[in-house]
């Protein structure tokens, strides 16, 4: 469990899409009703075919880029080859994800080093949601600094998300996760980045279905998280969530501890890249000639230009082990951006 304070401002729960287990339940009930019906004299040829549901499908979201880094959105199934632990797998399901629903968790750094950026983040994120949110999409908003706070629970209303961002403020509370504060004397905390990612993945996204993304706006510096970066990555992979990182820092906030002092100014980019690369995401850099609004536009285009690949692993064991994934392209000039692996957990444990 992540060690963050979360103030729930919404009580509604998401309406999940129909899953394989729900289909099986419907079929079981239908079979029970049929068992109470007198036997029919119709010949066996008239009996309906048996319906089988595969609940062990591994889904991979892929973004494909050319040599110049541009997104490629016109590919077919035979352009992809999937490997698990070095063994080729049969792709059973393939779709271009241009219009399929998204579940978005936006996590915004409100630690002291981001003090001068919060107003810009608020404005750009509001515009992003107004552009990206569609009828079947849902999103939630979390701020993190010395603590985490859920500013807006699941909603498909861009207006409510914008209102939630009015709660963005420099974090100065104590740390801890649970119904109340947990003292942190002797264990100073500044930016609980890894705790926030773990919380979003494990507590919010793990039980959801469909495409799930975590969007981070931060300088990438973590100070005081109880969770390690490896814990955050594992939670995101188990939740099938893609982490998109927006590296946004204010050089003025670090004083004499700029890029050469080990803080800010790009010091956290490597950590952001680790989380994004492991989950199939991407790191965007905000700079003098590349605004946060520009980044949000690029992110929107990427999330709407993905491919969904599904396969049933040739290794049928669901022992919780980690399995490496690789997607190779028929065109060697193209590169697939996908998560590095997944955990083969049992369906009932999800």
Protein backbone atom coordinates (compact mmCIF):
# COMPACT_ATOMS: atom_id res chain seq x y z
CA UNK A 1 0.00 0.00 0.00
CA UNK A 2 1.31 3.44 -0.89
CA UNK A 3 2.13 5.81 1.94
CA UNK A 4 0.12 8.85 0.90
CA UNK A 5 -2.80 10.79 2.28
CA UNK A 6 -5.69 10.60 -0.16
CA UNK A 7 -8.71 12.84 0.33
CA UNK A 8 -11.52 11.31 -1.72
CA UNK A 9 -13.75 13.98 -3.19
CA UNK A 10 -15.97 11.60 -5.15
CA UNK A 11 -17.95 8.57 -4.05
CA UNK A 12 -19.03 7.18 -7.40
CA UNK A 13 -17.48 4.00 -8.74
CA UNK A 14 -16.61 3.31 -12.30
CA UNK A 15 -18.86 1.21 -14.47
CA UNK A 16 -16.63 -1.56 -15.74
CA UNK A 17 -16.88 -2.90 -19.25
CA UNK A 18 -18.05 -6.48 -19.79
CA UNK A 19 -15.22 -8.91 -19.01
CA UNK A 20 -14.58 -12.53 -19.79
CA UNK A 21 -15.58 -13.60 -16.27
CA UNK A 22 -18.90 -11.75 -16.59
CA UNK A 23 -19.59 -13.52 -19.87
CA UNK A 24 -18.85 -16.85 -18.21
CA UNK A 25 -21.29 -16.01 -15.42
CA UNK A 26 -24.01 -15.21 -17.94
CA UNK A 27 -23.37 -18.47 -19.77
CA UNK A 28 -23.45 -20.41 -16.48
CA UNK A 29 -26.81 -18.92 -15.52
CA UNK A 30 -28.14 -19.63 -18.97
CA UNK A 31 -27.01 -23.23 -18.64
CA UNK A 32 -28.77 -23.57 -15.30
CA UNK A 33 -32.03 -22.35 -16.81
CA UNK A 34 -31.68 -24.74 -19.70
CA UNK A 35 -31.18 -27.61 -17.26
CA UNK A 36 -34.67 -26.94 -15.84
CA UNK A 37 -36.27 -27.06 -19.28
CA UNK A 38 -37.67 -30.41 -20.57
CA UNK A 39 -35.32 -32.08 -23.06
CA UNK A 40 -35.85 -31.10 -26.67
CA UNK A 41 -36.22 -33.62 -29.45
CA UNK A 42 -34.28 -31.53 -31.96
CA UNK A 43 -31.41 -33.35 -33.66
CA UNK A 44 -27.89 -32.63 -32.36
CA UNK A 45 -27.16 -30.60 -35.49
CA UNK A 46 -29.59 -27.93 -34.26
CA UNK A 47 -27.78 -27.42 -30.92
CA UNK A 48 -26.05 -24.06 -30.57
CA UNK A 49 -22.24 -24.11 -30.70
CA UNK A 50 -20.26 -23.96 -27.46
CA UNK A 51 -18.89 -20.49 -26.66
CA UNK A 52 -15.41 -20.36 -25.14
CA UNK A 53 -13.97 -17.31 -23.47
CA UNK A 54 -10.20 -16.82 -23.19
CA UNK A 55 -9.48 -14.97 -19.95
CA UNK A 56 -5.68 -15.35 -20.18
CA UNK A 57 -5.05 -12.94 -23.03
CA UNK A 58 -1.97 -10.74 -22.63
CA UNK A 59 -2.62 -7.28 -24.06
CA UNK A 60 0.14 -5.00 -25.31
CA UNK A 61 -0.29 -1.36 -26.27
CA UNK A 62 2.23 -0.25 -28.87
CA UNK A 63 3.19 3.12 -30.31
CA UNK A 64 5.30 2.92 -33.44
CA UNK A 65 7.78 5.59 -34.53
CA UNK A 66 9.91 6.06 -37.62
CA UNK A 67 13.57 7.08 -37.70
CA UNK A 68 12.63 10.74 -37.21
CA UNK A 69 10.52 9.96 -34.17
CA UNK A 70 7.22 10.48 -35.96
CA UNK A 71 4.22 8.32 -35.10
CA UNK A 72 3.16 5.72 -37.66
CA UNK A 73 -0.57 4.99 -37.69
CA UNK A 74 -1.31 2.88 -40.77
CA UNK A 75 0.14 -0.55 -39.91
CA UNK A 76 -1.44 -4.01 -40.04
CA UNK A 77 -1.22 -7.15 -37.91
CA UNK A 78 1.49 -8.75 -40.05
CA UNK A 79 3.77 -5.76 -39.45
CA UNK A 80 4.27 -6.95 -35.84
CA UNK A 81 5.92 -10.00 -34.26
CA UNK A 82 5.61 -10.60 -30.50
CA UNK A 83 8.11 -12.49 -28.35
CA UNK A 84 7.76 -13.58 -24.72
CA UNK A 85 10.99 -14.60 -23.02
CA UNK A 86 12.50 -14.93 -26.48
CA UNK A 87 9.79 -17.24 -27.86
CA UNK A 88 7.52 -16.05 -30.65
CA UNK A 89 3.83 -15.81 -29.78
CA UNK A 90 0.79 -15.91 -32.03
CA UNK A 91 -1.02 -12.57 -32.21
CA UNK A 92 -4.70 -13.43 -31.84
CA UNK A 93 -6.15 -9.95 -31.52
CA UNK A 94 -5.15 -6.77 -33.31
CA UNK A 95 -6.73 -3.33 -33.42
CA UNK A 96 -5.79 0.26 -34.07
CA UNK A 97 -6.76 2.14 -30.93
CA UNK A 98 -7.66 5.46 -32.52
CA UNK A 99 -11.03 5.85 -30.82
CA UNK A 100 -11.18 3.28 -28.01
CA UNK A 101 -11.78 4.59 -24.46
CA UNK A 102 -8.98 5.78 -22.22
CA UNK A 103 -8.59 5.79 -18.45
CA UNK A 104 -6.18 8.57 -17.51
CA UNK A 105 -4.54 9.28 -14.17
CA UNK A 106 -2.91 12.74 -14.16
CA UNK A 107 -0.30 13.13 -11.40
CA UNK A 108 1.06 16.65 -10.84
CA UNK A 109 4.13 17.53 -8.77
CA UNK A 110 3.33 20.34 -6.32
CA UNK A 111 6.54 20.22 -4.29
CA UNK A 112 8.44 23.40 -3.52
CA UNK A 113 10.59 23.16 -6.64
CA UNK A 114 7.46 23.41 -8.81
CA UNK A 115 6.07 26.49 -7.07
CA UNK A 116 6.47 28.78 -10.08
CA UNK A 117 5.04 26.25 -12.54
CA UNK A 118 1.72 25.35 -10.93
CA UNK A 119 -0.34 28.06 -12.66
CA UNK A 120 1.04 26.98 -16.04
CA UNK A 121 0.34 23.33 -15.24
CA UNK A 122 -3.21 24.16 -14.19
CA UNK A 123 -3.96 26.05 -17.40
CA UNK A 124 -2.33 23.57 -19.79
CA UNK A 125 -3.84 20.51 -18.10
CA UNK A 126 -7.31 22.06 -18.22
CA UNK A 127 -6.91 22.64 -21.93
CA UNK A 128 -5.58 19.10 -22.39
CA UNK A 129 -8.64 17.54 -20.75
CA UNK A 130 -11.01 19.74 -22.74
CA UNK A 131 -9.38 18.45 -25.93
CA UNK A 132 -8.66 14.81 -25.10
CA UNK A 133 -11.70 13.72 -23.08
CA UNK A 134 -14.36 11.90 -25.07
CA UNK A 135 -17.69 10.45 -24.02
CA UNK A 136 -16.33 7.06 -22.91
CA UNK A 137 -13.07 8.33 -21.41
CA UNK A 138 -12.55 8.82 -17.68
CA UNK A 139 -9.81 10.43 -15.65
CA UNK A 140 -8.73 11.23 -12.11
CA UNK A 141 -6.35 13.85 -10.73
CA UNK A 142 -3.72 13.45 -7.99
CA UNK A 143 -1.27 16.05 -6.70
CA UNK A 144 1.89 15.03 -4.86
CA UNK A 145 4.56 16.80 -2.87
CA UNK A 146 5.16 15.94 0.77
CA UNK A 147 1.86 14.05 0.53
CA UNK A 148 -0.53 12.80 -2.12
CA UNK A 149 -4.02 14.19 -2.53
CA UNK A 150 -6.84 12.98 -4.75
CA UNK A 151 -8.21 16.23 -6.14
CA UNK A 152 -10.78 14.63 -8.45
CA UNK A 153 -11.94 11.02 -8.58
CA UNK A 154 -13.06 9.25 -11.76
CA UNK A 155 -15.09 11.48 -14.06
CA UNK A 156 -15.59 12.04 -17.77
CA UNK A 157 -16.25 15.74 -17.21
CA UNK A 158 -13.46 18.05 -18.36
CA UNK A 159 -15.15 20.79 -16.33
CA UNK A 160 -14.92 18.81 -13.08
CA UNK A 161 -11.28 17.98 -13.75
CA UNK A 162 -10.54 21.66 -14.34
CA UNK A 163 -12.30 22.52 -11.09
CA UNK A 164 -10.23 19.85 -9.34
CA UNK A 165 -7.07 21.55 -10.53
CA UNK A 166 -8.08 24.64 -8.59
CA UNK A 167 -6.90 22.60 -5.59
CA UNK A 168 -3.32 22.53 -6.86
CA UNK A 169 -1.12 24.21 -4.29
CA UNK A 170 2.38 23.79 -2.93
CA UNK A 171 2.33 20.76 -0.63
CA UNK A 172 3.41 21.44 2.93
CA UNK A 173 1.62 18.74 4.91
CA UNK A 174 3.04 15.69 6.65
CA UNK A 175 3.43 12.34 4.96
CA UNK A 176 1.63 9.08 5.37
CA UNK A 177 -1.15 7.00 3.83
CA UNK A 178 -4.37 6.14 5.54
CA UNK A 179 -7.23 7.86 7.32
CA UNK A 180 -4.97 10.41 8.92
CA UNK A 181 -1.42 11.79 9.00
CA UNK A 182 1.46 9.53 9.90
CA UNK A 183 4.33 11.35 11.64
CA UNK A 184 7.58 11.45 9.70
CA UNK A 185 9.93 12.90 12.32
CA UNK A 186 13.50 12.05 11.41
CA UNK A 187 12.42 10.98 7.93
CA UNK A 188 12.05 14.20 5.93
CA UNK A 189 9.95 14.08 2.78
CA UNK A 190 9.77 16.47 -0.12
CA UNK A 191 8.41 14.83 -3.29
CA UNK A 192 6.77 11.41 -2.93
CA UNK A 193 6.89 10.67 -6.66
CA UNK A 194 7.24 6.88 -6.44
CA UNK A 195 4.52 6.64 -3.79
CA UNK A 196 2.18 8.59 -6.07
CA UNK A 197 2.81 6.32 -9.07
CA UNK A 198 2.35 3.23 -6.90
CA UNK A 199 -0.89 4.60 -5.49
CA UNK A 200 -2.32 5.48 -8.90
CA UNK A 201 -1.44 2.08 -10.35
CA UNK A 202 -2.28 -0.20 -7.43
CA UNK A 203 -5.21 1.59 -5.80
CA UNK A 204 -6.87 3.26 -8.79
CA UNK A 205 -6.01 1.46 -12.04
CA UNK A 206 -5.31 -2.18 -11.17
CA UNK A 207 -8.98 -3.27 -11.22
CA UNK A 208 -9.92 -1.20 -14.26
CA UNK A 209 -10.18 -2.60 -17.77
CA UNK A 210 -9.18 -1.26 -21.17
CA UNK A 211 -6.40 1.24 -21.94
CA UNK A 212 -4.89 2.81 -18.86
CA UNK A 213 -2.28 5.57 -18.70
CA UNK A 214 -0.53 7.54 -15.97
CA UNK A 215 0.60 11.03 -16.98
CA UNK A 216 3.29 12.53 -14.74
CA UNK A 217 4.18 16.22 -14.64
CA UNK A 218 7.33 16.52 -12.52
CA UNK A 219 11.05 17.26 -12.50
CA UNK A 220 11.58 13.57 -11.71
CA UNK A 221 13.25 14.12 -8.32
CA UNK A 222 11.93 11.89 -5.52
CA UNK A 223 12.54 12.74 -1.86
CA UNK A 224 11.08 10.64 0.92
CA UNK A 225 8.90 8.03 -0.81
CA UNK A 226 8.38 4.83 1.16
CA UNK A 227 8.19 2.96 -2.12
CA UNK A 228 11.17 2.48 -4.40
CA UNK A 229 11.19 3.11 -8.13
CA UNK A 230 11.14 -0.66 -8.68
CA UNK A 231 7.90 -0.87 -6.65
CA UNK A 232 6.31 1.87 -8.75
CA UNK A 233 7.30 0.16 -12.01
CA UNK A 234 6.04 -3.24 -10.83
CA UNK A 235 2.69 -1.76 -9.75
CA UNK A 236 2.26 -0.04 -13.12
CA UNK A 237 3.12 -3.24 -15.00
CA UNK A 238 0.70 -5.31 -12.91
CA UNK A 239 -2.01 -2.73 -13.61
CA UNK A 240 -1.21 -2.80 -17.36
CA UNK A 241 -0.75 0.97 -17.12
CA UNK A 242 1.50 2.99 -19.43
CA UNK A 243 3.47 5.79 -17.75
CA UNK A 244 3.97 8.98 -19.79
CA UNK A 245 6.41 11.37 -18.12
CA UNK A 246 6.52 15.11 -18.72
CA UNK A 247 9.90 16.39 -17.54
CA UNK A 248 9.14 19.93 -16.39
CA UNK A 249 11.49 21.84 -14.11
CA UNK A 250 12.18 25.40 -13.04
CA UNK A 251 15.97 26.01 -12.94
CA UNK A 252 15.42 28.98 -10.61
CA UNK A 253 14.10 26.64 -7.91
CA UNK A 254 17.41 24.87 -7.29
CA UNK A 255 19.71 27.76 -6.49
CA UNK A 256 23.28 26.51 -6.41
CA UNK A 257 22.10 22.91 -6.80
CA UNK A 258 21.42 23.02 -10.52
CA UNK A 259 22.35 20.34 -13.00
CA UNK A 260 25.91 20.22 -11.68
CA UNK A 261 24.76 20.00 -8.07
CA UNK A 262 22.63 16.94 -8.61
CA UNK A 263 19.15 18.46 -8.28
CA UNK A 264 16.69 19.56 -10.94
CA UNK A 265 17.75 20.75 -14.36
CA UNK A 266 17.43 17.24 -15.81
CA UNK A 267 18.70 15.25 -12.81
CA UNK A 268 15.41 13.36 -12.60
CA UNK A 269 15.04 12.60 -16.30
CA UNK A 270 16.80 9.24 -15.99
CA UNK A 271 14.32 8.04 -13.38
CA UNK A 272 11.37 9.17 -15.47
CA UNK A 273 12.82 7.34 -18.45
CA UNK A 274 13.13 4.13 -16.42
CA UNK A 275 9.45 4.19 -15.50
CA UNK A 276 8.23 5.15 -18.95
CA UNK A 277 10.45 2.74 -20.88
CA UNK A 278 9.50 -0.19 -18.64
CA UNK A 279 5.78 0.39 -19.17
CA UNK A 280 5.79 1.29 -22.86
CA UNK A 281 5.49 5.04 -22.37
CA UNK A 282 7.54 8.03 -23.43
CA UNK A 283 9.34 10.96 -21.82
CA UNK A 284 8.45 14.45 -23.04
CA UNK A 285 10.70 17.38 -22.23
CA UNK A 286 9.35 20.90 -21.68
CA UNK A 287 11.84 23.55 -22.75
CA UNK A 288 12.17 27.12 -23.93
CA UNK A 289 10.93 26.25 -27.43
CA UNK A 290 8.70 23.36 -26.42
CA UNK A 291 5.85 24.42 -24.15
CA UNK A 292 3.71 22.27 -21.87
CA UNK A 293 0.80 22.87 -24.26
CA UNK A 294 2.94 21.51 -27.12
CA UNK A 295 3.70 18.40 -25.06
CA UNK A 296 0.05 17.80 -24.23
CA UNK A 297 -0.83 18.02 -27.93
CA UNK A 298 1.84 15.44 -28.78
CA UNK A 299 0.69 13.21 -25.94
CA UNK A 300 -2.90 13.37 -27.15
CA UNK A 301 -1.81 12.33 -30.65
CA UNK A 302 0.21 9.41 -29.27
CA UNK A 303 -2.59 8.07 -27.10
CA UNK A 304 -4.91 8.17 -30.10
CA UNK A 305 -2.42 6.45 -32.42
CA UNK A 306 -1.72 3.21 -30.59
CA UNK A 307 -2.03 -0.44 -31.60
CA UNK A 308 -3.46 -3.17 -29.38
CA UNK A 309 -1.87 -6.61 -29.68
CA UNK A 310 -3.31 -9.61 -27.84
CA UNK A 311 -1.88 -13.11 -27.46
CA UNK A 312 -2.37 -16.19 -25.28
CA UNK A 313 1.00 -17.11 -23.83
CA UNK A 314 2.42 -20.47 -24.86
CA UNK A 315 3.50 -20.72 -21.21
CA UNK A 316 0.18 -21.45 -19.49
CA UNK A 317 1.55 -21.25 -15.93
CA UNK A 318 0.07 -18.35 -13.96
CA UNK A 319 2.71 -18.39 -11.26
CA UNK A 320 3.19 -14.65 -10.85
CA UNK A 321 6.57 -14.72 -12.57
CA UNK A 322 7.87 -11.80 -14.60
CA UNK A 323 8.06 -12.40 -18.34
CA UNK A 324 9.97 -10.25 -20.79
CA UNK A 325 8.20 -8.88 -23.85
CA UNK A 326 9.60 -7.77 -27.18
CA UNK A 327 7.82 -6.54 -30.30
CA UNK A 328 9.75 -6.55 -33.55
CA UNK A 329 8.70 -4.71 -36.68
CA UNK A 330 8.75 -6.13 -40.21
CA UNK A 331 10.09 -2.77 -41.35
CA UNK A 332 13.47 -2.36 -39.66
CA UNK A 333 13.20 1.42 -39.95
CA UNK A 334 10.32 1.40 -37.48
CA UNK A 335 10.50 0.92 -33.71
CA UNK A 336 7.70 -0.29 -31.45
CA UNK A 337 7.37 1.42 -28.08
CA UNK A 338 5.93 -1.22 -25.69
CA UNK A 339 6.23 -2.31 -22.08
CA UNK A 340 9.27 -4.43 -21.25
CA UNK A 341 7.32 -7.25 -19.61
CA UNK A 342 4.38 -8.38 -17.49
CA UNK A 343 3.58 -10.48 -14.42
CA UNK A 344 1.77 -13.77 -15.11
CA UNK A 345 -0.68 -13.48 -12.22
CA UNK A 346 -3.78 -15.60 -11.89
CA UNK A 347 -6.98 -13.90 -13.17
CA UNK A 348 -8.63 -14.01 -9.74
CA UNK A 349 -5.68 -12.14 -8.23
CA UNK A 350 -6.18 -9.16 -10.54
